[in-house]
Protein backbone atom coordinates (compact mmCIF):
# COMPACT_ATOMS: atom_id res chain seq x y z
CA MET A 1 90.05 117.93 66.90
CA VAL A 2 87.52 118.51 69.65
CA ASP A 3 86.17 115.66 71.74
CA GLY A 4 83.75 116.27 74.57
CA VAL A 5 82.25 119.55 75.72
CA PHE A 6 85.54 120.99 77.01
CA GLY A 7 87.76 119.60 74.27
CA GLY A 8 90.77 117.52 75.24
CA TYR A 9 90.54 118.55 78.88
CA THR A 10 87.51 116.35 79.52
CA ARG A 11 89.49 113.13 79.12
CA TRP A 12 92.17 114.22 81.61
CA ALA A 13 89.57 115.53 84.04
CA VAL A 14 87.83 112.14 84.07
CA VAL A 15 91.12 110.28 84.49
CA PHE A 16 92.19 112.56 87.33
CA LEU A 17 88.78 112.23 89.00
CA ILE A 18 88.92 108.42 88.89
CA ILE A 19 92.46 108.34 90.29
CA PHE A 20 91.53 110.84 93.01
CA VAL A 21 88.47 108.86 94.11
CA LEU A 22 90.38 105.57 94.15
CA PHE A 23 93.17 107.24 96.16
CA ILE A 24 90.75 108.59 98.76
CA LEU A 25 88.95 105.25 99.07
CA LEU A 26 91.99 102.96 99.16
CA VAL A 27 94.47 104.89 101.30
CA PRO A 28 92.57 104.61 104.63
CA TYR A 29 92.12 100.86 104.12
CA GLY A 30 95.79 100.46 103.19
CA VAL A 31 96.87 102.35 106.32
CA ALA A 32 94.56 100.28 108.51
CA ALA A 33 95.77 97.04 106.92
CA ALA A 34 99.38 98.06 107.62
CA GLY A 35 98.62 98.08 111.33
CA ALA A 36 98.66 101.83 111.83
CA PRO A 37 95.73 103.49 113.63
CA ALA A 38 92.86 104.02 111.23
CA ALA A 39 92.33 107.66 110.34
CA VAL A 40 88.96 109.10 111.34
CA TYR A 41 87.25 111.14 108.62
């Protein structure tokens, strides 16, 4: 049962990548919306 180039790992890699990107994009806005000083990246 092989799906994708790297087998079953591809699905988890994509899921992790999506979660990671959403986390990086949403956390600064959430912190700023909470009233804390916005982090400078």
